[in-house]
Amino acid sequence: MTTDLEFVPFVLTGKQKKFLKGLGHSLTPVICIGKEGMTDNVLKATQQELFARELIKVKIGSNSTLSKNEAAEIMPRFTESTLVQLIGKTLLLYKENPEMEKGQRIALPRS
């Protein structure tokens, strides 16, 4: 047993992922990772957007030094979110916000 608190992502079922992909299809990216890469400001902004929306798209700019696979590994870990989908250079991230009003939260289908 380690003393480090390691983030364990929320595990989504196939049905839940499909549902979230459908919701994410019409979303536009709210975060863009540029040439500076994964900065503290980018991570803080991502956390704020996830808190406000639960489901967001993150775009990796063509001038970014970060690869899409690196971003797909790093971003969910540091924002404590779950990677739903990686298409091209766009990540779809989900993080449940229990503090949101019930009518505004995303109601995931049961497994």
N, C-alpha and C. Protein backbone atom coordinates (compact mmCIF):
# COMPACT_ATOMS: atom_id res chain seq x y z
N MET A 1 0.85 -1.18 0.00
CA MET A 1 0.00 0.00 0.00
C MET A 1 0.89 1.24 0.00
N THR A 2 0.59 2.18 -0.86
CA THR A 2 1.38 3.40 -0.94
C THR A 2 0.71 4.51 -0.15
N THR A 3 1.51 5.52 0.22
CA THR A 3 0.97 6.65 0.96
C THR A 3 0.47 7.73 0.02
N ASP A 4 0.79 7.62 -1.27
CA ASP A 4 0.31 8.59 -2.25
C ASP A 4 -1.18 8.41 -2.47
N LEU A 5 -1.87 9.52 -2.56
CA LEU A 5 -3.28 9.46 -2.93
C LEU A 5 -3.35 9.51 -4.44
N GLU A 6 -3.66 8.41 -5.03
CA GLU A 6 -3.68 8.33 -6.48
C GLU A 6 -5.12 8.40 -6.97
N PHE A 7 -5.33 9.20 -8.00
CA PHE A 7 -6.66 9.36 -8.56
C PHE A 7 -7.08 8.10 -9.30
N VAL A 8 -8.27 7.63 -8.99
CA VAL A 8 -8.86 6.51 -9.70
C VAL A 8 -10.03 7.07 -10.49
N PRO A 9 -9.95 7.02 -11.84
CA PRO A 9 -11.02 7.62 -12.64
C PRO A 9 -12.35 6.90 -12.46
N PHE A 10 -13.41 7.67 -12.63
CA PHE A 10 -14.76 7.14 -12.61
C PHE A 10 -14.89 6.21 -13.81
N VAL A 11 -15.27 4.98 -13.59
CA VAL A 11 -15.37 4.01 -14.67
C VAL A 11 -16.77 4.08 -15.28
N LEU A 12 -16.80 4.33 -16.58
CA LEU A 12 -18.06 4.41 -17.31
C LEU A 12 -18.33 3.10 -18.02
N THR A 13 -19.59 2.71 -18.06
CA THR A 13 -19.96 1.54 -18.83
C THR A 13 -20.02 1.93 -20.31
N GLY A 14 -20.09 0.97 -21.18
CA GLY A 14 -20.20 1.23 -22.61
C GLY A 14 -21.44 2.05 -22.94
N LYS A 15 -22.53 1.74 -22.27
CA LYS A 15 -23.79 2.45 -22.49
C LYS A 15 -23.65 3.92 -22.06
N GLN A 16 -22.98 4.17 -20.95
CA GLN A 16 -22.79 5.53 -20.46
C GLN A 16 -21.87 6.32 -21.39
N LYS A 17 -20.80 5.67 -21.87
CA LYS A 17 -19.90 6.33 -22.81
C LYS A 17 -20.64 6.72 -24.09
N LYS A 18 -21.44 5.81 -24.59
CA LYS A 18 -22.20 6.09 -25.81
C LYS A 18 -23.14 7.26 -25.59
N PHE A 19 -23.78 7.31 -24.45
CA PHE A 19 -24.69 8.40 -24.10
C PHE A 19 -23.94 9.73 -24.05
N LEU A 20 -22.78 9.76 -23.38
CA LEU A 20 -21.99 10.98 -23.26
C LEU A 20 -21.42 11.42 -24.61
N LYS A 21 -21.04 10.47 -25.45
CA LYS A 21 -20.56 10.80 -26.79
C LYS A 21 -21.66 11.50 -27.59
N GLY A 22 -22.87 11.03 -27.43
CA GLY A 22 -24.01 11.64 -28.10
C GLY A 22 -24.23 13.08 -27.63
N LEU A 23 -24.10 13.30 -26.32
CA LEU A 23 -24.24 14.65 -25.78
C LEU A 23 -23.08 15.55 -26.23
N GLY A 24 -21.91 14.97 -26.31
CA GLY A 24 -20.72 15.74 -26.65
C GLY A 24 -20.60 16.09 -28.11
N HIS A 25 -21.34 15.39 -28.96
CA HIS A 25 -21.25 15.60 -30.40
C HIS A 25 -21.47 17.06 -30.79
N SER A 26 -22.43 17.70 -30.19
CA SER A 26 -22.78 19.08 -30.57
C SER A 26 -22.00 20.14 -29.79
N LEU A 27 -21.18 19.73 -28.84
CA LEU A 27 -20.42 20.69 -28.05
C LEU A 27 -19.26 21.28 -28.86
N THR A 28 -18.93 22.52 -28.56
CA THR A 28 -17.73 23.12 -29.13
C THR A 28 -16.66 23.12 -28.04
N PRO A 29 -15.39 23.04 -28.41
CA PRO A 29 -14.32 23.03 -27.39
C PRO A 29 -14.32 24.33 -26.57
N VAL A 30 -14.23 24.18 -25.26
CA VAL A 30 -14.18 25.34 -24.37
C VAL A 30 -12.76 25.60 -23.86
N ILE A 31 -11.88 24.64 -24.06
CA ILE A 31 -10.48 24.76 -23.66
C ILE A 31 -9.62 24.42 -24.87
N CYS A 32 -8.58 25.22 -25.07
CA CYS A 32 -7.65 24.96 -26.17
C CYS A 32 -6.23 24.92 -25.60
N ILE A 33 -5.52 23.86 -25.89
CA ILE A 33 -4.14 23.72 -25.44
C ILE A 33 -3.24 24.22 -26.57
N GLY A 34 -2.50 25.28 -26.30
CA GLY A 34 -1.66 25.90 -27.32
C GLY A 34 -0.20 25.53 -27.19
N LYS A 35 0.66 26.40 -27.70
CA LYS A 35 2.09 26.12 -27.74
C LYS A 35 2.72 26.04 -26.36
N GLU A 36 2.09 26.63 -25.35
CA GLU A 36 2.61 26.56 -23.98
C GLU A 36 2.38 25.19 -23.36
N GLY A 37 1.48 24.41 -23.93
CA GLY A 37 1.22 23.06 -23.42
C GLY A 37 0.25 23.07 -22.25
N MET A 38 0.46 22.13 -21.36
CA MET A 38 -0.42 21.92 -20.22
C MET A 38 0.04 22.78 -19.04
N THR A 39 -0.38 24.03 -19.01
CA THR A 39 0.01 24.95 -17.94
C THR A 39 -0.96 24.85 -16.78
N ASP A 40 -0.57 25.44 -15.66
CA ASP A 40 -1.46 25.48 -14.50
C ASP A 40 -2.76 26.19 -14.83
N ASN A 41 -2.66 27.26 -15.62
CA ASN A 41 -3.86 28.01 -16.00
C ASN A 41 -4.81 27.17 -16.84
N VAL A 42 -4.26 26.36 -17.74
CA VAL A 42 -5.10 25.48 -18.57
C VAL A 42 -5.79 24.45 -17.69
N LEU A 43 -5.05 23.87 -16.75
CA LEU A 43 -5.63 22.86 -15.86
C LEU A 43 -6.70 23.47 -14.96
N LYS A 44 -6.45 24.67 -14.42
CA LYS A 44 -7.44 25.34 -13.57
C LYS A 44 -8.70 25.68 -14.36
N ALA A 45 -8.52 26.18 -15.58
CA ALA A 45 -9.67 26.52 -16.42
C ALA A 45 -10.47 25.27 -16.76
N THR A 46 -9.78 24.17 -17.01
CA THR A 46 -10.45 22.90 -17.31
C THR A 46 -11.26 22.43 -16.11
N GLN A 47 -10.68 22.52 -14.92
CA GLN A 47 -11.41 22.13 -13.71
C GLN A 47 -12.65 23.00 -13.51
N GLN A 48 -12.52 24.30 -13.75
CA GLN A 48 -13.66 25.20 -13.60
C GLN A 48 -14.77 24.88 -14.59
N GLU A 49 -14.39 24.61 -15.83
CA GLU A 49 -15.39 24.27 -16.86
C GLU A 49 -16.06 22.94 -16.55
N LEU A 50 -15.30 21.96 -16.09
CA LEU A 50 -15.89 20.67 -15.72
C LEU A 50 -16.86 20.85 -14.55
N PHE A 51 -16.51 21.69 -13.60
CA PHE A 51 -17.37 21.94 -12.45
C PHE A 51 -18.68 22.58 -12.90
N ALA A 52 -18.59 23.49 -13.88
CA ALA A 52 -19.77 24.21 -14.35
C ALA A 52 -20.63 23.40 -15.31
N ARG A 53 -20.01 22.49 -16.08
CA ARG A 53 -20.74 21.81 -17.16
C ARG A 53 -20.78 20.29 -17.08
N GLU A 54 -19.85 19.68 -16.39
CA GLU A 54 -19.68 18.23 -16.27
C GLU A 54 -19.11 17.57 -17.51
N LEU A 55 -19.46 18.02 -18.70
CA LEU A 55 -18.98 17.41 -19.95
C LEU A 55 -18.43 18.52 -20.84
N ILE A 56 -17.15 18.41 -21.21
CA ILE A 56 -16.53 19.44 -22.03
C ILE A 56 -15.63 18.82 -23.10
N LYS A 57 -15.38 19.63 -24.13
CA LYS A 57 -14.42 19.26 -25.16
C LYS A 57 -13.17 20.12 -24.96
N VAL A 58 -12.01 19.48 -25.15
CA VAL A 58 -10.73 20.16 -25.07
C VAL A 58 -10.02 19.95 -26.40
N LYS A 59 -9.60 21.02 -27.02
CA LYS A 59 -8.93 20.95 -28.32
C LYS A 59 -7.43 21.14 -28.12
N ILE A 60 -6.64 20.29 -28.77
CA ILE A 60 -5.19 20.42 -28.75
C ILE A 60 -4.80 21.14 -30.03
N GLY A 61 -4.27 22.34 -29.89
CA GLY A 61 -3.92 23.16 -31.04
C GLY A 61 -2.81 22.55 -31.87
N SER A 62 -2.77 22.91 -33.13
CA SER A 62 -1.75 22.35 -34.04
C SER A 62 -0.35 22.83 -33.67
N ASN A 63 -0.24 23.95 -32.93
CA ASN A 63 1.07 24.44 -32.53
C ASN A 63 1.50 23.91 -31.16
N SER A 64 0.71 23.04 -30.55
CA SER A 64 1.03 22.49 -29.24
C SER A 64 2.15 21.46 -29.35
N THR A 65 3.03 21.49 -28.37
CA THR A 65 4.12 20.50 -28.32
C THR A 65 3.65 19.20 -27.67
N LEU A 66 2.45 19.22 -27.14
CA LEU A 66 1.88 18.05 -26.46
C LEU A 66 1.16 17.17 -27.48
N SER A 67 1.44 15.89 -27.45
CA SER A 67 0.73 14.97 -28.36
C SER A 67 -0.66 14.70 -27.82
N LYS A 68 -1.53 14.21 -28.69
CA LYS A 68 -2.90 13.92 -28.26
C LYS A 68 -2.93 12.81 -27.22
N ASN A 69 -2.05 11.85 -27.34
CA ASN A 69 -2.02 10.75 -26.37
C ASN A 69 -1.50 11.21 -25.01
N GLU A 70 -0.52 12.12 -25.01
CA GLU A 70 -0.04 12.69 -23.75
C GLU A 70 -1.14 13.48 -23.07
N ALA A 71 -1.84 14.29 -23.84
CA ALA A 71 -2.94 15.09 -23.29
C ALA A 71 -4.05 14.18 -22.75
N ALA A 72 -4.35 13.11 -23.47
CA ALA A 72 -5.40 12.18 -23.05
C ALA A 72 -5.03 11.44 -21.76
N GLU A 73 -3.74 11.35 -21.48
CA GLU A 73 -3.28 10.70 -20.25
C GLU A 73 -3.19 11.70 -19.10
N ILE A 74 -2.65 12.88 -19.38
CA ILE A 74 -2.39 13.88 -18.34
C ILE A 74 -3.65 14.61 -17.89
N MET A 75 -4.43 15.09 -18.83
CA MET A 75 -5.59 15.94 -18.51
C MET A 75 -6.58 15.28 -17.55
N PRO A 76 -7.03 14.05 -17.79
CA PRO A 76 -7.96 13.43 -16.85
C PRO A 76 -7.36 13.24 -15.46
N ARG A 77 -6.08 12.90 -15.41
CA ARG A 77 -5.44 12.66 -14.11
C ARG A 77 -5.39 13.94 -13.27
N PHE A 78 -4.97 15.05 -13.89
CA PHE A 78 -4.82 16.29 -13.15
C PHE A 78 -6.14 17.00 -12.87
N THR A 79 -7.17 16.72 -13.65
CA THR A 79 -8.47 17.34 -13.40
C THR A 79 -9.43 16.39 -12.70
N GLU A 80 -8.97 15.19 -12.42
CA GLU A 80 -9.77 14.14 -11.79
C GLU A 80 -11.07 13.90 -12.55
N SER A 81 -10.93 13.84 -13.86
CA SER A 81 -12.08 13.59 -14.73
C SER A 81 -11.88 12.26 -15.45
N THR A 82 -12.84 11.92 -16.29
CA THR A 82 -12.77 10.68 -17.05
C THR A 82 -12.74 11.02 -18.54
N LEU A 83 -11.81 10.41 -19.24
CA LEU A 83 -11.74 10.57 -20.69
C LEU A 83 -12.85 9.72 -21.30
N VAL A 84 -13.77 10.38 -21.98
CA VAL A 84 -14.87 9.67 -22.62
C VAL A 84 -14.47 9.26 -24.03
N GLN A 85 -13.78 10.20 -24.73
CA GLN A 85 -13.47 9.96 -26.13
C GLN A 85 -12.28 10.83 -26.55
N LEU A 86 -11.49 10.30 -27.47
CA LEU A 86 -10.42 11.05 -28.11
C LEU A 86 -10.59 10.90 -29.61
N ILE A 87 -10.96 12.00 -30.25
CA ILE A 87 -11.13 11.99 -31.71
C ILE A 87 -10.21 13.05 -32.27
N GLY A 88 -9.29 12.62 -33.12
CA GLY A 88 -8.32 13.56 -33.66
C GLY A 88 -7.56 14.21 -32.53
N LYS A 89 -7.61 15.53 -32.47
CA LYS A 89 -6.95 16.27 -31.39
C LYS A 89 -7.96 16.89 -30.44
N THR A 90 -9.08 16.21 -30.27
CA THR A 90 -10.13 16.70 -29.38
C THR A 90 -10.45 15.64 -28.34
N LEU A 91 -10.41 16.06 -27.07
CA LEU A 91 -10.75 15.18 -25.96
C LEU A 91 -12.14 15.52 -25.46
N LEU A 92 -12.90 14.52 -25.09
CA LEU A 92 -14.19 14.71 -24.45
C LEU A 92 -14.03 14.22 -23.02
N LEU A 93 -14.18 15.14 -22.06
CA LEU A 93 -13.97 14.83 -20.64
C LEU A 93 -15.28 14.95 -19.87
N TYR A 94 -15.43 14.07 -18.87
CA TYR A 94 -16.61 14.07 -18.01
C TYR A 94 -16.18 14.04 -16.56
N LYS A 95 -16.84 14.85 -15.75
CA LYS A 95 -16.63 14.80 -14.31
C LYS A 95 -17.95 15.16 -13.64
N GLU A 96 -18.47 14.24 -12.87
CA GLU A 96 -19.73 14.46 -12.17
C GLU A 96 -19.58 15.57 -11.14
N ASN A 97 -20.58 16.43 -11.05
CA ASN A 97 -20.59 17.50 -10.07
C ASN A 97 -21.82 17.35 -9.18
N PRO A 98 -21.65 16.71 -8.01
CA PRO A 98 -22.81 16.49 -7.13
C PRO A 98 -23.37 17.78 -6.54
N GLU A 99 -22.64 18.89 -6.64
CA GLU A 99 -23.12 20.16 -6.10
C GLU A 99 -24.08 20.89 -7.05
N MET A 100 -24.15 20.44 -8.29
CA MET A 100 -25.06 21.06 -9.26
C MET A 100 -26.50 20.73 -8.88
N GLU A 101 -27.39 21.62 -9.29
CA GLU A 101 -28.81 21.33 -9.07
C GLU A 101 -29.18 20.09 -9.87
N LYS A 102 -30.07 19.31 -9.32
CA LYS A 102 -30.41 18.03 -9.92
C LYS A 102 -30.88 18.15 -11.38
N GLY A 103 -31.64 19.18 -11.71
CA GLY A 103 -32.14 19.36 -13.06
C GLY A 103 -31.07 19.74 -14.07
N GLN A 104 -29.93 20.25 -13.61
CA GLN A 104 -28.85 20.66 -14.50
C GLN A 104 -27.78 19.59 -14.70
N ARG A 105 -27.74 18.62 -13.81
CA ARG A 105 -26.74 17.57 -13.88
C ARG A 105 -27.04 16.60 -15.03
N ILE A 106 -26.00 15.96 -15.50
CA ILE A 106 -26.16 14.93 -16.53
C ILE A 106 -26.59 13.65 -15.84
N ALA A 107 -27.71 13.11 -16.23
CA ALA A 107 -28.22 11.87 -15.66
C ALA A 107 -27.74 10.72 -16.53
N LEU A 108 -26.73 10.02 -16.04
CA LEU A 108 -26.18 8.89 -16.80
C LEU A 108 -27.15 7.72 -16.76
N PRO A 109 -27.25 6.99 -17.86
CA PRO A 109 -28.08 5.79 -17.85
C PRO A 109 -27.46 4.73 -16.95
N ARG A 110 -28.28 3.94 -16.37
CA ARG A 110 -27.79 2.81 -15.55
C ARG A 110 -27.14 1.80 -16.49
N SER A 111 -26.20 1.05 -15.95
CA SER A 111 -25.48 0.07 -16.77
C SER A 111 -26.42 -0.79 -17.55
